N, C-alpha and C. Protein backbone atom coordinates (compact mmCIF):
# COMPACT_ATOMS: atom_id res chain seq x y z
N MET A 1 18.47 18.03 -23.98
CA MET A 1 18.89 19.06 -23.08
C MET A 1 19.06 18.43 -21.71
N LEU A 2 20.13 18.76 -21.03
CA LEU A 2 20.41 18.27 -19.68
C LEU A 2 19.92 19.27 -18.64
N VAL A 3 19.11 18.81 -17.72
CA VAL A 3 18.64 19.63 -16.60
C VAL A 3 19.20 18.98 -15.33
N ASP A 4 20.22 19.62 -14.77
CA ASP A 4 20.91 19.04 -13.61
C ASP A 4 20.57 19.84 -12.37
N ASP A 5 20.60 19.14 -11.24
CA ASP A 5 20.36 19.72 -9.91
C ASP A 5 18.97 20.35 -9.76
N LEU A 6 17.99 19.83 -10.48
CA LEU A 6 16.65 20.35 -10.35
C LEU A 6 16.14 20.22 -8.90
N ASP A 7 16.58 19.17 -8.21
CA ASP A 7 16.15 18.93 -6.83
C ASP A 7 16.73 19.94 -5.85
N ARG A 8 17.63 20.80 -6.29
CA ARG A 8 18.18 21.82 -5.42
C ARG A 8 17.47 23.16 -5.55
N CYS A 9 16.47 23.19 -6.38
CA CYS A 9 15.70 24.43 -6.60
C CYS A 9 14.52 24.51 -5.64
N LEU A 10 13.96 25.71 -5.51
CA LEU A 10 12.75 25.88 -4.72
C LEU A 10 11.56 25.23 -5.42
N PRO A 11 10.56 24.80 -4.68
CA PRO A 11 9.41 24.11 -5.26
C PRO A 11 8.78 24.87 -6.46
N ALA A 12 8.66 26.17 -6.34
CA ALA A 12 8.02 26.94 -7.44
C ALA A 12 8.88 26.86 -8.70
N THR A 13 10.20 26.89 -8.55
CA THR A 13 11.10 26.79 -9.69
C THR A 13 11.06 25.39 -10.30
N ILE A 14 10.97 24.39 -9.44
CA ILE A 14 10.88 23.01 -9.95
C ILE A 14 9.61 22.85 -10.76
N MET A 15 8.51 23.32 -10.27
CA MET A 15 7.25 23.24 -11.00
C MET A 15 7.30 24.00 -12.31
N ALA A 16 7.83 25.20 -12.29
CA ALA A 16 7.92 26.00 -13.52
C ALA A 16 8.80 25.30 -14.56
N THR A 17 9.89 24.68 -14.10
CA THR A 17 10.78 23.97 -15.00
C THR A 17 10.08 22.75 -15.60
N LEU A 18 9.41 21.96 -14.75
CA LEU A 18 8.69 20.79 -15.24
C LEU A 18 7.58 21.16 -16.22
N GLU A 19 6.87 22.25 -15.93
CA GLU A 19 5.81 22.69 -16.85
C GLU A 19 6.39 23.13 -18.18
N ALA A 20 7.56 23.81 -18.13
CA ALA A 20 8.23 24.20 -19.38
C ALA A 20 8.69 22.98 -20.18
N ILE A 21 9.20 21.98 -19.49
CA ILE A 21 9.64 20.75 -20.15
C ILE A 21 8.43 20.09 -20.80
N LYS A 22 7.30 20.06 -20.10
CA LYS A 22 6.09 19.44 -20.69
C LYS A 22 5.72 20.09 -22.04
N LEU A 23 5.92 21.39 -22.14
CA LEU A 23 5.59 22.07 -23.39
C LEU A 23 6.44 21.58 -24.57
N PHE A 24 7.68 21.23 -24.28
CA PHE A 24 8.59 20.83 -25.35
C PHE A 24 8.62 19.34 -25.63
N LEU A 25 7.93 18.53 -24.81
CA LEU A 25 7.98 17.08 -25.00
C LEU A 25 7.37 16.64 -26.34
N ALA A 26 6.45 17.45 -26.89
CA ALA A 26 5.80 17.06 -28.15
C ALA A 26 6.60 17.53 -29.37
N VAL A 27 7.69 18.27 -29.16
CA VAL A 27 8.51 18.77 -30.27
C VAL A 27 9.37 17.61 -30.79
N PRO A 28 9.30 17.31 -32.10
CA PRO A 28 10.10 16.24 -32.66
C PRO A 28 11.60 16.48 -32.42
N GLY A 29 12.27 15.43 -32.01
CA GLY A 29 13.70 15.49 -31.78
C GLY A 29 14.13 16.09 -30.45
N MET A 30 13.18 16.54 -29.66
CA MET A 30 13.48 17.19 -28.38
C MET A 30 13.47 16.12 -27.28
N SER A 31 14.48 16.11 -26.51
CA SER A 31 14.53 15.20 -25.37
C SER A 31 15.25 15.87 -24.22
N PHE A 32 14.97 15.40 -23.02
CA PHE A 32 15.52 15.98 -21.80
C PHE A 32 16.11 14.87 -20.97
N VAL A 33 17.17 15.18 -20.29
CA VAL A 33 17.76 14.29 -19.27
C VAL A 33 17.68 15.08 -17.96
N LEU A 34 16.93 14.55 -17.02
CA LEU A 34 16.78 15.20 -15.72
C LEU A 34 17.67 14.47 -14.73
N ALA A 35 18.59 15.19 -14.12
CA ALA A 35 19.45 14.61 -13.10
C ALA A 35 18.99 15.18 -11.76
N ALA A 36 18.21 14.38 -11.02
CA ALA A 36 17.64 14.89 -9.79
C ALA A 36 17.17 13.73 -8.93
N ASP A 37 17.00 13.99 -7.66
CA ASP A 37 16.44 13.02 -6.73
C ASP A 37 14.92 13.03 -6.91
N GLU A 38 14.37 11.93 -7.39
CA GLU A 38 12.96 11.87 -7.71
C GLU A 38 12.08 12.11 -6.48
N ASP A 39 12.49 11.59 -5.33
CA ASP A 39 11.71 11.83 -4.10
C ASP A 39 11.64 13.31 -3.76
N LEU A 40 12.73 14.02 -3.92
CA LEU A 40 12.73 15.46 -3.64
C LEU A 40 11.85 16.22 -4.62
N ILE A 41 11.86 15.77 -5.87
CA ILE A 41 11.01 16.42 -6.89
C ILE A 41 9.54 16.18 -6.52
N ARG A 42 9.21 14.98 -6.14
CA ARG A 42 7.82 14.68 -5.75
C ARG A 42 7.40 15.48 -4.51
N GLU A 43 8.31 15.64 -3.56
CA GLU A 43 8.00 16.45 -2.39
C GLU A 43 7.75 17.90 -2.78
N ALA A 44 8.54 18.41 -3.70
CA ALA A 44 8.34 19.78 -4.17
C ALA A 44 7.01 19.94 -4.88
N ILE A 45 6.62 18.94 -5.64
CA ILE A 45 5.29 18.96 -6.31
C ILE A 45 4.20 19.00 -5.25
N GLY A 46 4.32 18.16 -4.22
CA GLY A 46 3.36 18.13 -3.13
C GLY A 46 3.28 19.44 -2.40
N MET A 47 4.45 20.07 -2.15
CA MET A 47 4.49 21.38 -1.48
C MET A 47 3.84 22.45 -2.37
N HIS A 48 4.10 22.37 -3.65
CA HIS A 48 3.51 23.33 -4.58
C HIS A 48 1.99 23.21 -4.58
N LEU A 49 1.52 22.00 -4.44
CA LEU A 49 0.06 21.78 -4.46
C LEU A 49 -0.53 21.94 -3.03
N GLN A 50 0.32 22.36 -2.08
CA GLN A 50 -0.07 22.66 -0.71
C GLN A 50 -0.65 21.46 0.02
N GLY A 51 0.10 20.40 0.02
CA GLY A 51 -0.36 19.26 0.83
C GLY A 51 0.38 17.98 0.50
N ALA A 52 0.77 17.29 1.54
CA ALA A 52 1.45 16.01 1.35
C ALA A 52 0.46 14.96 0.85
N GLY A 53 -0.83 15.21 0.98
CA GLY A 53 -1.83 14.27 0.51
C GLY A 53 -1.89 14.15 -1.00
N ARG A 54 -1.14 15.03 -1.64
CA ARG A 54 -1.08 15.04 -3.11
C ARG A 54 0.05 14.18 -3.65
N SER A 55 0.64 13.34 -2.78
CA SER A 55 1.79 12.54 -3.21
C SER A 55 1.42 11.56 -4.31
N GLY A 56 0.19 11.08 -4.31
CA GLY A 56 -0.26 10.20 -5.40
C GLY A 56 -0.25 10.94 -6.74
N PHE A 57 -0.68 12.20 -6.71
CA PHE A 57 -0.66 13.01 -7.93
C PHE A 57 0.78 13.26 -8.35
N ALA A 58 1.66 13.54 -7.38
CA ALA A 58 3.06 13.82 -7.69
C ALA A 58 3.71 12.61 -8.38
N LYS A 59 3.37 11.41 -7.91
CA LYS A 59 3.93 10.20 -8.55
C LYS A 59 3.44 10.05 -9.97
N LEU A 60 2.16 10.26 -10.19
CA LEU A 60 1.61 10.19 -11.54
C LEU A 60 2.18 11.27 -12.43
N TYR A 61 2.36 12.46 -11.89
CA TYR A 61 2.88 13.58 -12.64
C TYR A 61 4.30 13.27 -13.12
N THR A 62 5.18 12.77 -12.23
CA THR A 62 6.54 12.48 -12.62
C THR A 62 6.61 11.31 -13.57
N GLU A 63 5.72 10.33 -13.41
CA GLU A 63 5.74 9.18 -14.31
C GLU A 63 5.35 9.55 -15.74
N GLU A 64 4.52 10.61 -15.87
CA GLU A 64 4.16 11.09 -17.19
C GLU A 64 5.32 11.80 -17.88
N ILE A 65 6.11 12.52 -17.11
CA ILE A 65 7.24 13.29 -17.69
C ILE A 65 8.46 12.41 -17.85
N ILE A 66 8.76 11.62 -16.85
CA ILE A 66 9.97 10.78 -16.85
C ILE A 66 9.64 9.44 -17.45
N GLN A 67 10.09 9.24 -18.68
CA GLN A 67 9.70 8.04 -19.41
C GLN A 67 10.64 6.88 -19.19
N ILE A 68 11.92 7.17 -18.98
CA ILE A 68 12.88 6.11 -18.72
C ILE A 68 13.69 6.46 -17.47
N PRO A 69 13.20 6.06 -16.31
CA PRO A 69 13.95 6.41 -15.08
C PRO A 69 15.18 5.52 -14.94
N VAL A 70 16.26 6.12 -14.55
CA VAL A 70 17.49 5.37 -14.28
C VAL A 70 17.95 5.74 -12.84
N SER A 71 17.94 4.80 -11.97
CA SER A 71 18.32 5.04 -10.58
C SER A 71 19.79 4.63 -10.40
N LEU A 72 20.52 5.47 -9.74
CA LEU A 72 21.93 5.16 -9.44
C LEU A 72 22.02 4.73 -7.98
N PRO A 73 22.81 3.69 -7.74
CA PRO A 73 22.97 3.25 -6.32
C PRO A 73 23.81 4.22 -5.53
N MET A 74 23.58 4.26 -4.24
CA MET A 74 24.39 5.11 -3.36
C MET A 74 25.76 4.46 -3.21
N LEU A 75 26.78 5.29 -3.18
CA LEU A 75 28.13 4.81 -2.94
C LEU A 75 28.35 4.65 -1.42
N SER A 76 29.10 3.61 -1.08
CA SER A 76 29.49 3.48 0.31
C SER A 76 30.57 4.53 0.61
N VAL A 77 30.86 4.73 1.86
CA VAL A 77 31.89 5.68 2.25
C VAL A 77 33.22 5.30 1.61
N GLU A 78 33.54 4.01 1.64
CA GLU A 78 34.82 3.54 1.07
C GLU A 78 34.86 3.78 -0.44
N GLN A 79 33.75 3.52 -1.14
CA GLN A 79 33.73 3.71 -2.58
C GLN A 79 33.84 5.21 -2.92
N ALA A 80 33.19 6.05 -2.14
CA ALA A 80 33.28 7.48 -2.38
C ALA A 80 34.71 7.98 -2.14
N GLU A 81 35.35 7.48 -1.10
CA GLU A 81 36.74 7.87 -0.82
C GLU A 81 37.67 7.43 -1.93
N ALA A 82 37.47 6.21 -2.42
CA ALA A 82 38.32 5.71 -3.50
C ALA A 82 38.10 6.51 -4.78
N TYR A 83 36.85 6.83 -5.08
CA TYR A 83 36.55 7.62 -6.26
C TYR A 83 37.21 9.01 -6.20
N ILE A 84 37.06 9.68 -5.05
CA ILE A 84 37.64 10.99 -4.90
C ILE A 84 39.16 10.94 -4.98
N ALA A 85 39.75 9.93 -4.37
CA ALA A 85 41.21 9.80 -4.42
C ALA A 85 41.67 9.59 -5.87
N LEU A 86 40.96 8.76 -6.63
CA LEU A 86 41.34 8.52 -8.02
C LEU A 86 41.13 9.80 -8.85
N LEU A 87 40.07 10.56 -8.57
CA LEU A 87 39.85 11.83 -9.27
C LEU A 87 41.00 12.80 -8.97
N LEU A 88 41.39 12.88 -7.71
CA LEU A 88 42.49 13.78 -7.35
C LEU A 88 43.80 13.37 -8.01
N CYS A 89 44.05 12.08 -8.04
CA CYS A 89 45.30 11.61 -8.66
C CYS A 89 45.30 11.87 -10.16
N SER A 90 44.16 11.67 -10.82
CA SER A 90 44.10 11.88 -12.24
C SER A 90 44.11 13.36 -12.60
N GLY A 91 43.43 14.17 -11.81
CA GLY A 91 43.35 15.60 -12.11
C GLY A 91 44.63 16.34 -11.78
N ALA A 92 45.36 15.90 -10.79
CA ALA A 92 46.57 16.58 -10.37
C ALA A 92 47.77 16.09 -11.14
N GLY A 93 47.57 15.10 -12.00
CA GLY A 93 48.67 14.58 -12.79
C GLY A 93 49.71 13.84 -11.94
N GLN A 94 49.30 13.36 -10.78
CA GLN A 94 50.23 12.68 -9.90
C GLN A 94 50.61 11.29 -10.41
N LEU A 95 49.76 10.69 -11.22
CA LEU A 95 50.04 9.37 -11.76
C LEU A 95 50.03 9.40 -13.27
N ASN A 96 50.95 8.67 -13.88
CA ASN A 96 50.91 8.55 -15.35
C ASN A 96 49.76 7.62 -15.72
N THR A 97 49.46 7.54 -17.00
CA THR A 97 48.30 6.80 -17.44
C THR A 97 48.35 5.33 -16.98
N HIS A 98 49.49 4.68 -17.11
CA HIS A 98 49.61 3.28 -16.71
C HIS A 98 49.39 3.12 -15.21
N ALA A 99 49.99 4.00 -14.41
CA ALA A 99 49.86 3.90 -12.95
C ALA A 99 48.41 4.16 -12.52
N LEU A 100 47.76 5.14 -13.19
CA LEU A 100 46.37 5.43 -12.87
C LEU A 100 45.47 4.24 -13.23
N ASP A 101 45.69 3.64 -14.40
CA ASP A 101 44.93 2.45 -14.80
C ASP A 101 45.11 1.31 -13.78
N THR A 102 46.35 1.14 -13.31
CA THR A 102 46.64 0.11 -12.30
C THR A 102 45.89 0.39 -11.00
N ALA A 103 45.90 1.67 -10.58
CA ALA A 103 45.19 2.04 -9.34
C ALA A 103 43.69 1.82 -9.46
N ILE A 104 43.14 2.14 -10.63
CA ILE A 104 41.71 1.90 -10.86
C ILE A 104 41.37 0.44 -10.84
N ASP A 105 42.21 -0.38 -11.51
CA ASP A 105 41.97 -1.83 -11.53
C ASP A 105 42.10 -2.42 -10.11
N THR A 106 43.06 -1.95 -9.34
CA THR A 106 43.23 -2.44 -7.96
C THR A 106 42.02 -2.08 -7.11
N ALA A 107 41.52 -0.84 -7.23
CA ALA A 107 40.35 -0.42 -6.48
C ALA A 107 39.14 -1.26 -6.88
N ARG A 108 38.98 -1.50 -8.19
CA ARG A 108 37.86 -2.31 -8.69
C ARG A 108 37.93 -3.73 -8.13
N GLN A 109 39.12 -4.35 -8.16
CA GLN A 109 39.29 -5.72 -7.69
C GLN A 109 38.99 -5.81 -6.19
N ARG A 110 39.49 -4.84 -5.40
CA ARG A 110 39.22 -4.85 -3.98
C ARG A 110 37.73 -4.70 -3.70
N ARG A 111 37.04 -3.85 -4.49
CA ARG A 111 35.60 -3.70 -4.31
C ARG A 111 34.87 -5.00 -4.60
N LEU A 112 35.25 -5.71 -5.68
CA LEU A 112 34.60 -6.96 -6.02
C LEU A 112 34.85 -8.02 -4.95
N GLU A 113 35.98 -7.95 -4.28
CA GLU A 113 36.30 -8.91 -3.23
C GLU A 113 35.66 -8.51 -1.90
N GLY A 114 34.97 -7.35 -1.83
CA GLY A 114 34.34 -6.93 -0.62
C GLY A 114 35.30 -6.24 0.34
N ARG A 115 36.46 -5.86 -0.15
CA ARG A 115 37.43 -5.15 0.69
C ARG A 115 37.39 -3.68 0.36
N ALA A 116 37.72 -2.83 1.30
CA ALA A 116 37.71 -1.40 1.06
C ALA A 116 38.76 -1.08 0.01
N PRO A 117 38.37 -0.25 -0.97
CA PRO A 117 39.36 0.14 -2.00
C PRO A 117 40.47 0.96 -1.40
């Protein structure tokens, strides 16, 4: 099950969701993918426990639930602009498949060379 944008919920909702997930972790074949900012989740846990001094507990709590953390790097402004431009071109049908593939390859090559896409 995918749980997206958990970090955009109120602390009480975050805690209720995490507690519900904990109930299902022992069910065979059940797995969850949490898409959220781990720091914001830990802050919400600390707020729920009424104190920033509980950050050590929040870290242990998330480590028990999140078994395989995958962190994504932040995009630079140039990378984000290139990504959005390519999305707009592909979604609006402005480029045929070959032209879109060429634009993607060009953006990738410029990024590898350290130039703005």
